[in-house]
Amino acid sequence: MSGNRLFYNVAFVLLILYTGLLLYWMFLGFGRTLRPGPPYSYNVVPLDTIGRYWRAMHSSPFRVWGVNLLGNIGVFIPFGILLPIIWVSMRRVGRLLLVVVAALVILEVTQMLLGAGTMDVDDIILNVLGVLCGRVAYVFLRKKLRIES
């Protein structure tokens, strides 16, 4: 098996494992329980939740605002690295964003409908920012490791 093929296979396995871990976190982790049906909890006002956490930085502990803001970014960085490695079409930023935003909307709505959390447009914004950070890391790694385009 060539070095590049092994690299792609390892990336694929990592993507599957990480996706499974993320789905667990989103639907069952952190003490979540599934409570399908109303009342539904959602925020569709962009930057509302982000603004509240931003303003709370000086009055709340890091584990409150930092985990929400930085955690929602950081947890999606691996997708910005792994997706372009595995699928050539995801190397184009527009295609990557289209797929990621569609997947995130589906996940957030599902999380709300199952009662596992709040559907929040700000989570989508922060998650997309994480994917874009990962995409920057991917470009750097591709140059550094000389991954074929």
N, C-alpha and C. Protein backbone atom coordinates (compact mmCIF):
# COMPACT_ATOMS: atom_id res chain seq x y z
N MET A 1 0.86 -1.18 0.00
CA MET A 1 0.00 0.00 0.00
C MET A 1 0.90 1.23 0.00
N SER A 2 0.62 2.16 -0.90
CA SER A 2 1.45 3.36 -0.98
C SER A 2 1.23 4.23 0.26
N GLY A 3 2.21 5.11 0.49
CA GLY A 3 2.13 6.00 1.64
C GLY A 3 0.90 6.90 1.62
N ASN A 4 0.58 7.44 0.43
CA ASN A 4 -0.60 8.30 0.34
C ASN A 4 -1.89 7.53 0.59
N ARG A 5 -1.98 6.32 0.06
CA ARG A 5 -3.19 5.50 0.26
C ARG A 5 -3.38 5.19 1.74
N LEU A 6 -2.31 4.83 2.42
CA LEU A 6 -2.37 4.56 3.86
C LEU A 6 -2.81 5.82 4.61
N PHE A 7 -2.26 6.95 4.22
CA PHE A 7 -2.62 8.24 4.83
C PHE A 7 -4.12 8.49 4.70
N TYR A 8 -4.66 8.29 3.49
CA TYR A 8 -6.09 8.49 3.26
C TYR A 8 -6.94 7.50 4.07
N ASN A 9 -6.50 6.25 4.15
CA ASN A 9 -7.24 5.24 4.92
C ASN A 9 -7.25 5.57 6.41
N VAL A 10 -6.13 6.01 6.92
CA VAL A 10 -6.06 6.40 8.33
C VAL A 10 -6.98 7.59 8.57
N ALA A 11 -6.97 8.56 7.66
CA ALA A 11 -7.85 9.73 7.79
C ALA A 11 -9.31 9.31 7.78
N PHE A 12 -9.66 8.34 6.94
CA PHE A 12 -11.04 7.87 6.87
C PHE A 12 -11.47 7.21 8.18
N VAL A 13 -10.61 6.37 8.73
CA VAL A 13 -10.92 5.70 10.00
C VAL A 13 -11.04 6.74 11.12
N LEU A 14 -10.14 7.71 11.13
CA LEU A 14 -10.23 8.77 12.14
C LEU A 14 -11.53 9.56 12.01
N LEU A 15 -11.95 9.83 10.78
CA LEU A 15 -13.20 10.56 10.56
C LEU A 15 -14.39 9.77 11.09
N ILE A 16 -14.43 8.49 10.84
CA ILE A 16 -15.54 7.64 11.32
C ILE A 16 -15.55 7.62 12.85
N LEU A 17 -14.40 7.40 13.45
CA LEU A 17 -14.33 7.33 14.92
C LEU A 17 -14.68 8.69 15.55
N TYR A 18 -14.15 9.75 14.98
CA TYR A 18 -14.41 11.08 15.55
C TYR A 18 -15.87 11.47 15.37
N THR A 19 -16.45 11.15 14.24
CA THR A 19 -17.87 11.44 14.02
C THR A 19 -18.73 10.69 15.04
N GLY A 20 -18.40 9.44 15.29
CA GLY A 20 -19.13 8.67 16.31
C GLY A 20 -19.02 9.31 17.68
N LEU A 21 -17.82 9.74 18.03
CA LEU A 21 -17.61 10.41 19.32
C LEU A 21 -18.41 11.71 19.39
N LEU A 22 -18.38 12.48 18.32
CA LEU A 22 -19.12 13.74 18.30
C LEU A 22 -20.63 13.51 18.42
N LEU A 23 -21.15 12.52 17.73
CA LEU A 23 -22.58 12.21 17.83
C LEU A 23 -22.94 11.79 19.25
N TYR A 24 -22.07 11.03 19.87
CA TYR A 24 -22.30 10.66 21.28
C TYR A 24 -22.37 11.92 22.13
N TRP A 25 -21.37 12.83 21.98
CA TRP A 25 -21.36 14.07 22.76
C TRP A 25 -22.64 14.87 22.53
N MET A 26 -23.06 14.96 21.27
CA MET A 26 -24.22 15.81 20.95
C MET A 26 -25.55 15.26 21.46
N PHE A 27 -25.66 13.93 21.52
CA PHE A 27 -26.96 13.34 21.84
C PHE A 27 -27.02 12.63 23.19
N LEU A 28 -25.90 12.14 23.70
CA LEU A 28 -25.94 11.38 24.95
C LEU A 28 -24.93 11.85 26.01
N GLY A 29 -23.86 12.49 25.58
CA GLY A 29 -22.80 12.88 26.50
C GLY A 29 -23.19 14.05 27.39
N PHE A 30 -22.35 14.31 28.36
CA PHE A 30 -22.52 15.44 29.29
C PHE A 30 -23.84 15.36 30.04
N GLY A 31 -24.27 14.16 30.36
CA GLY A 31 -25.49 13.97 31.14
C GLY A 31 -26.78 14.21 30.38
N ARG A 32 -26.72 14.24 29.06
CA ARG A 32 -27.94 14.48 28.27
C ARG A 32 -28.85 13.27 28.32
N THR A 33 -30.12 13.53 28.27
CA THR A 33 -31.11 12.46 28.11
C THR A 33 -32.02 12.86 26.96
N LEU A 34 -32.49 11.89 26.23
CA LEU A 34 -33.38 12.16 25.11
C LEU A 34 -34.81 12.31 25.63
N ARG A 35 -35.44 13.43 25.28
CA ARG A 35 -36.82 13.70 25.65
C ARG A 35 -37.56 14.21 24.41
N PRO A 36 -37.88 13.31 23.49
CA PRO A 36 -38.51 13.75 22.24
C PRO A 36 -39.83 14.48 22.47
N GLY A 37 -40.11 15.44 21.59
CA GLY A 37 -41.38 16.16 21.64
C GLY A 37 -41.25 17.51 22.30
N PRO A 38 -42.33 18.30 22.21
CA PRO A 38 -42.33 19.64 22.79
C PRO A 38 -42.19 19.58 24.30
N PRO A 39 -41.75 20.63 24.94
CA PRO A 39 -41.43 21.93 24.34
C PRO A 39 -40.05 21.89 23.69
N TYR A 40 -39.94 22.53 22.54
CA TYR A 40 -38.69 22.59 21.81
C TYR A 40 -37.92 23.83 22.23
N SER A 41 -36.62 23.69 22.30
CA SER A 41 -35.76 24.81 22.68
C SER A 41 -34.89 25.17 21.49
N TYR A 42 -34.96 26.44 21.08
CA TYR A 42 -34.20 26.85 19.90
C TYR A 42 -33.89 28.34 19.94
N ASN A 43 -32.85 28.71 19.19
CA ASN A 43 -32.48 30.11 18.97
C ASN A 43 -32.16 30.26 17.49
N VAL A 44 -32.88 31.13 16.82
CA VAL A 44 -32.63 31.38 15.39
C VAL A 44 -32.12 32.80 15.15
N VAL A 45 -31.76 33.51 16.21
CA VAL A 45 -31.24 34.88 16.09
C VAL A 45 -29.71 34.80 16.07
N PRO A 46 -29.10 35.07 14.91
CA PRO A 46 -27.64 34.99 14.82
C PRO A 46 -26.94 35.91 15.82
N LEU A 47 -25.91 35.38 16.45
CA LEU A 47 -25.04 36.07 17.40
C LEU A 47 -25.69 36.38 18.74
N ASP A 48 -26.89 35.92 18.99
CA ASP A 48 -27.56 36.14 20.27
C ASP A 48 -26.85 35.39 21.39
N THR A 49 -26.70 34.09 21.24
CA THR A 49 -26.04 33.28 22.27
C THR A 49 -24.57 33.64 22.37
N ILE A 50 -23.93 33.84 21.24
CA ILE A 50 -22.51 34.22 21.24
C ILE A 50 -22.34 35.52 22.02
N GLY A 51 -23.21 36.50 21.78
CA GLY A 51 -23.15 37.78 22.48
C GLY A 51 -23.33 37.63 23.97
N ARG A 52 -24.27 36.76 24.37
CA ARG A 52 -24.48 36.56 25.81
C ARG A 52 -23.25 35.96 26.46
N TYR A 53 -22.64 34.97 25.83
CA TYR A 53 -21.43 34.37 26.40
C TYR A 53 -20.27 35.35 26.36
N TRP A 54 -20.16 36.14 25.32
CA TRP A 54 -19.10 37.13 25.20
C TRP A 54 -19.19 38.14 26.35
N ARG A 55 -20.40 38.61 26.62
CA ARG A 55 -20.60 39.57 27.71
C ARG A 55 -20.36 38.92 29.08
N ALA A 56 -20.52 37.62 29.18
CA ALA A 56 -20.37 36.91 30.45
C ALA A 56 -18.92 36.56 30.76
N MET A 57 -18.01 36.87 29.86
CA MET A 57 -16.60 36.49 30.06
C MET A 57 -16.04 36.99 31.39
N HIS A 58 -16.40 38.20 31.77
CA HIS A 58 -15.82 38.79 32.98
C HIS A 58 -16.58 38.42 34.24
N SER A 59 -17.79 37.92 34.09
CA SER A 59 -18.59 37.61 35.28
C SER A 59 -18.84 36.11 35.47
N SER A 60 -18.49 35.31 34.50
CA SER A 60 -18.71 33.85 34.59
C SER A 60 -17.38 33.13 34.47
N PRO A 61 -17.31 31.94 35.06
CA PRO A 61 -16.07 31.17 34.92
C PRO A 61 -15.86 30.70 33.48
N PHE A 62 -14.59 30.44 33.15
CA PHE A 62 -14.23 29.99 31.81
C PHE A 62 -15.02 28.76 31.39
N ARG A 63 -15.26 27.84 32.31
CA ARG A 63 -15.95 26.60 31.95
C ARG A 63 -17.36 26.87 31.42
N VAL A 64 -17.92 28.03 31.70
CA VAL A 64 -19.25 28.39 31.20
C VAL A 64 -19.13 28.98 29.80
N TRP A 65 -18.43 30.11 29.66
CA TRP A 65 -18.37 30.78 28.37
C TRP A 65 -17.33 30.17 27.44
N GLY A 66 -16.19 29.77 27.99
CA GLY A 66 -15.11 29.23 27.16
C GLY A 66 -15.46 27.90 26.53
N VAL A 67 -16.07 27.03 27.31
CA VAL A 67 -16.44 25.73 26.77
C VAL A 67 -17.47 25.90 25.65
N ASN A 68 -18.41 26.82 25.83
CA ASN A 68 -19.41 27.02 24.80
C ASN A 68 -18.82 27.66 23.55
N LEU A 69 -18.11 28.75 23.70
CA LEU A 69 -17.57 29.45 22.53
C LEU A 69 -16.40 28.69 21.89
N LEU A 70 -15.36 28.44 22.66
CA LEU A 70 -14.17 27.80 22.12
C LEU A 70 -14.40 26.31 21.85
N GLY A 71 -15.21 25.69 22.70
CA GLY A 71 -15.51 24.27 22.50
C GLY A 71 -16.25 24.01 21.21
N ASN A 72 -17.23 24.86 20.89
CA ASN A 72 -17.99 24.69 19.65
C ASN A 72 -17.13 24.93 18.41
N ILE A 73 -16.08 25.72 18.56
CA ILE A 73 -15.14 25.91 17.45
C ILE A 73 -14.18 24.72 17.38
N GLY A 74 -13.54 24.44 18.50
CA GLY A 74 -12.50 23.41 18.54
C GLY A 74 -12.96 22.02 18.15
N VAL A 75 -14.16 21.67 18.54
CA VAL A 75 -14.64 20.31 18.31
C VAL A 75 -14.85 20.03 16.81
N PHE A 76 -14.95 21.07 15.98
CA PHE A 76 -15.16 20.86 14.55
C PHE A 76 -13.91 21.07 13.70
N ILE A 77 -12.80 21.46 14.31
CA ILE A 77 -11.55 21.61 13.57
C ILE A 77 -11.15 20.31 12.86
N PRO A 78 -11.25 19.14 13.49
CA PRO A 78 -10.87 17.91 12.78
C PRO A 78 -11.61 17.69 11.45
N PHE A 79 -12.85 18.14 11.36
CA PHE A 79 -13.60 17.96 10.12
C PHE A 79 -13.00 18.81 8.99
N GLY A 80 -12.51 19.98 9.32
CA GLY A 80 -11.88 20.83 8.32
C GLY A 80 -10.56 20.26 7.80
N ILE A 81 -9.96 19.39 8.59
CA ILE A 81 -8.72 18.72 8.18
C ILE A 81 -9.04 17.41 7.45
N LEU A 82 -9.89 16.60 8.03
CA LEU A 82 -10.12 15.25 7.51
C LEU A 82 -10.96 15.20 6.23
N LEU A 83 -12.01 16.01 6.15
CA LEU A 83 -12.87 15.95 4.96
C LEU A 83 -12.11 16.26 3.67
N PRO A 84 -11.27 17.30 3.62
CA PRO A 84 -10.52 17.54 2.38
C PRO A 84 -9.48 16.48 2.07
N ILE A 85 -8.97 15.81 3.09
CA ILE A 85 -8.01 14.73 2.84
C ILE A 85 -8.72 13.57 2.14
N ILE A 86 -9.91 13.25 2.60
CA ILE A 86 -10.63 12.07 2.10
C ILE A 86 -11.34 12.32 0.78
N TRP A 87 -12.00 13.46 0.65
CA TRP A 87 -12.78 13.75 -0.56
C TRP A 87 -12.22 14.98 -1.26
N VAL A 88 -11.75 14.77 -2.47
CA VAL A 88 -11.16 15.84 -3.27
C VAL A 88 -12.15 17.01 -3.43
N SER A 89 -13.43 16.71 -3.61
CA SER A 89 -14.42 17.77 -3.81
C SER A 89 -14.53 18.69 -2.59
N MET A 90 -14.15 18.19 -1.42
CA MET A 90 -14.23 18.99 -0.19
C MET A 90 -13.03 19.94 -0.06
N ARG A 91 -12.11 19.86 -1.02
CA ARG A 91 -10.97 20.77 -0.98
C ARG A 91 -11.36 22.17 -1.43
N ARG A 92 -12.48 22.27 -2.11
CA ARG A 92 -13.00 23.58 -2.48
C ARG A 92 -13.81 24.10 -1.29
N VAL A 93 -13.50 25.30 -0.84
CA VAL A 93 -14.12 25.85 0.37
C VAL A 93 -15.64 25.92 0.23
N GLY A 94 -16.13 26.32 -0.92
CA GLY A 94 -17.57 26.43 -1.12
C GLY A 94 -18.27 25.10 -0.94
N ARG A 95 -17.74 24.04 -1.51
CA ARG A 95 -18.32 22.71 -1.38
C ARG A 95 -18.25 22.23 0.06
N LEU A 96 -17.11 22.44 0.70
CA LEU A 96 -16.94 22.06 2.10
C LEU A 96 -17.99 22.75 2.97
N LEU A 97 -18.15 24.06 2.79
CA LEU A 97 -19.11 24.81 3.59
C LEU A 97 -20.54 24.37 3.32
N LEU A 98 -20.88 24.11 2.08
CA LEU A 98 -22.23 23.66 1.74
C LEU A 98 -22.57 22.35 2.45
N VAL A 99 -21.68 21.40 2.38
CA VAL A 99 -21.91 20.09 3.02
C VAL A 99 -21.95 20.23 4.53
N VAL A 100 -21.02 20.98 5.08
CA VAL A 100 -20.93 21.12 6.54
C VAL A 100 -22.16 21.85 7.09
N VAL A 101 -22.57 22.94 6.46
CA VAL A 101 -23.73 23.68 6.95
C VAL A 101 -24.98 22.82 6.86
N ALA A 102 -25.16 22.09 5.76
CA ALA A 102 -26.32 21.21 5.64
C ALA A 102 -26.32 20.15 6.74
N ALA A 103 -25.18 19.53 6.98
CA ALA A 103 -25.08 18.51 8.02
C ALA A 103 -25.34 19.10 9.40
N LEU A 104 -24.82 20.29 9.66
CA LEU A 104 -25.01 20.93 10.96
C LEU A 104 -26.47 21.31 11.21
N VAL A 105 -27.15 21.80 10.19
CA VAL A 105 -28.56 22.13 10.34
C VAL A 105 -29.35 20.87 10.68
N ILE A 106 -29.06 19.78 9.97
CA ILE A 106 -29.75 18.51 10.25
C ILE A 106 -29.46 18.05 11.68
N LEU A 107 -28.21 18.12 12.11
CA LEU A 107 -27.85 17.69 13.46
C LEU A 107 -28.50 18.57 14.53
N GLU A 108 -28.48 19.87 14.34
CA GLU A 108 -29.06 20.78 15.33
C GLU A 108 -30.58 20.58 15.44
N VAL A 109 -31.25 20.44 14.32
CA VAL A 109 -32.71 20.21 14.34
C VAL A 109 -33.02 18.86 14.99
N THR A 110 -32.23 17.85 14.66
CA THR A 110 -32.43 16.52 15.27
C THR A 110 -32.20 16.58 16.77
N GLN A 111 -31.18 17.30 17.18
CA GLN A 111 -30.89 17.45 18.61
C GLN A 111 -32.09 18.10 19.32
N MET A 112 -32.68 19.11 18.69
CA MET A 112 -33.84 19.78 19.28
C MET A 112 -35.04 18.84 19.33
N LEU A 113 -35.33 18.16 18.22
CA LEU A 113 -36.51 17.29 18.16
C LEU A 113 -36.42 16.12 19.13
N LEU A 114 -35.20 15.63 19.37
CA LEU A 114 -35.02 14.53 20.32
C LEU A 114 -34.89 15.01 21.76
N GLY A 115 -34.89 16.32 21.94
CA GLY A 115 -34.79 16.86 23.29
C GLY A 115 -33.42 16.68 23.91
N ALA A 116 -32.39 16.51 23.07
CA ALA A 116 -31.04 16.32 23.58
C ALA A 116 -30.30 17.64 23.75
N GLY A 117 -30.92 18.72 23.34
CA GLY A 117 -30.28 20.02 23.45
C GLY A 117 -31.07 21.08 22.72
N THR A 118 -30.48 22.22 22.60
CA THR A 118 -31.11 23.37 21.95
C THR A 118 -30.62 23.47 20.51
N MET A 119 -31.52 23.77 19.60
CA MET A 119 -31.13 24.08 18.22
C MET A 119 -30.74 25.55 18.23
N ASP A 120 -29.47 25.83 17.98
CA ASP A 120 -28.98 27.19 18.10
C ASP A 120 -28.17 27.56 16.86
N VAL A 121 -28.61 28.58 16.16
CA VAL A 121 -27.91 29.02 14.96
C VAL A 121 -26.48 29.44 15.30
N ASP A 122 -26.25 29.91 16.51
CA ASP A 122 -24.90 30.29 16.91
C ASP A 122 -23.97 29.09 17.03
N ASP A 123 -24.50 27.94 17.40
CA ASP A 123 -23.68 26.72 17.38
C ASP A 123 -23.22 26.42 15.97
N ILE A 124 -24.11 26.61 15.00
CA ILE A 124 -23.75 26.38 13.60
C ILE A 124 -22.66 27.36 13.18
N ILE A 125 -22.80 28.62 13.55
CA ILE A 125 -21.79 29.63 13.22
C ILE A 125 -20.44 29.24 13.80
N LEU A 126 -20.41 28.88 15.08
CA LEU A 126 -19.16 28.51 15.74
C LEU A 126 -18.58 27.23 15.16
N ASN A 127 -19.43 26.24 14.87
CA ASN A 127 -18.97 24.99 14.28
C ASN A 127 -18.35 25.23 12.91
N VAL A 128 -18.98 26.07 12.09
CA VAL A 128 -18.44 26.39 10.76
C VAL A 128 -17.10 27.10 10.90
N LEU A 129 -16.99 27.99 11.88
CA LEU A 129 -15.70 28.64 12.14
C LEU A 129 -14.63 27.60 12.47
N GLY A 130 -15.00 26.59 13.24
CA GLY A 130 -14.07 25.50 13.54
C GLY A 130 -13.65 24.74 12.30
N VAL A 131 -14.59 24.44 11.42
CA VAL A 131 -14.27 23.75 10.17
C VAL A 131 -13.32 24.60 9.33
N LEU A 132 -13.56 25.91 9.28
CA LEU A 132 -12.68 26.80 8.51
C LEU A 132 -11.28 26.85 9.12
N CYS A 133 -11.19 26.84 10.44
CA CYS A 133 -9.86 26.77 11.10
C CYS A 133 -9.15 25.47 10.72
N GLY A 134 -9.92 24.39 10.71
CA GLY A 134 -9.36 23.10 10.29
C GLY A 134 -8.93 23.11 8.84
N ARG A 135 -9.69 23.79 8.00
CA ARG A 135 -9.35 23.90 6.57
C ARG A 135 -8.01 24.62 6.40
N VAL A 136 -7.79 25.67 7.20
CA VAL A 136 -6.50 26.38 7.16
C VAL A 136 -5.39 25.43 7.59
N ALA A 137 -5.62 24.65 8.64
CA ALA A 137 -4.64 23.66 9.10
C ALA A 137 -4.38 22.62 8.02
N TYR A 138 -5.44 22.20 7.31
CA TYR A 138 -5.29 21.22 6.23
C TYR A 138 -4.36 21.77 5.14
N VAL A 139 -4.56 23.02 4.73
CA VAL A 139 -3.71 23.63 3.69
C VAL A 139 -2.25 23.64 4.16
N PHE A 140 -2.05 24.01 5.41
CA PHE A 140 -0.70 24.01 5.97
C PHE A 140 -0.11 22.60 5.97
N LEU A 141 -0.88 21.62 6.44
CA LEU A 141 -0.40 20.24 6.49
C LEU A 141 -0.13 19.68 5.10
N ARG A 142 -0.99 20.01 4.16
CA ARG A 142 -0.81 19.51 2.80
C ARG A 142 0.52 19.99 2.23
N LYS A 143 0.85 21.25 2.48
CA LYS A 143 2.13 21.78 2.00
C LYS A 143 3.30 21.16 2.76
N LYS A 144 3.14 21.05 4.06
CA LYS A 144 4.22 20.51 4.91
C LYS A 144 4.47 19.02 4.62
N LEU A 145 3.42 18.25 4.45
CA LEU A 145 3.55 16.80 4.24
C LEU A 145 3.57 16.42 2.76
N ARG A 146 3.40 17.41 1.90
CA ARG A 146 3.39 17.20 0.45
C ARG A 146 2.33 16.18 0.02
N ILE A 147 1.12 16.38 0.53
CA ILE A 147 -0.01 15.54 0.15
C ILE A 147 -0.42 15.91 -1.26
N GLU A 148 -0.71 14.90 -2.08
CA GLU A 148 -1.12 15.15 -3.46
C GLU A 148 -2.43 15.91 -3.48
N SER A 149 -2.55 16.83 -4.43
CA SER A 149 -3.80 17.62 -4.58
C SER A 149 -4.83 16.87 -5.35
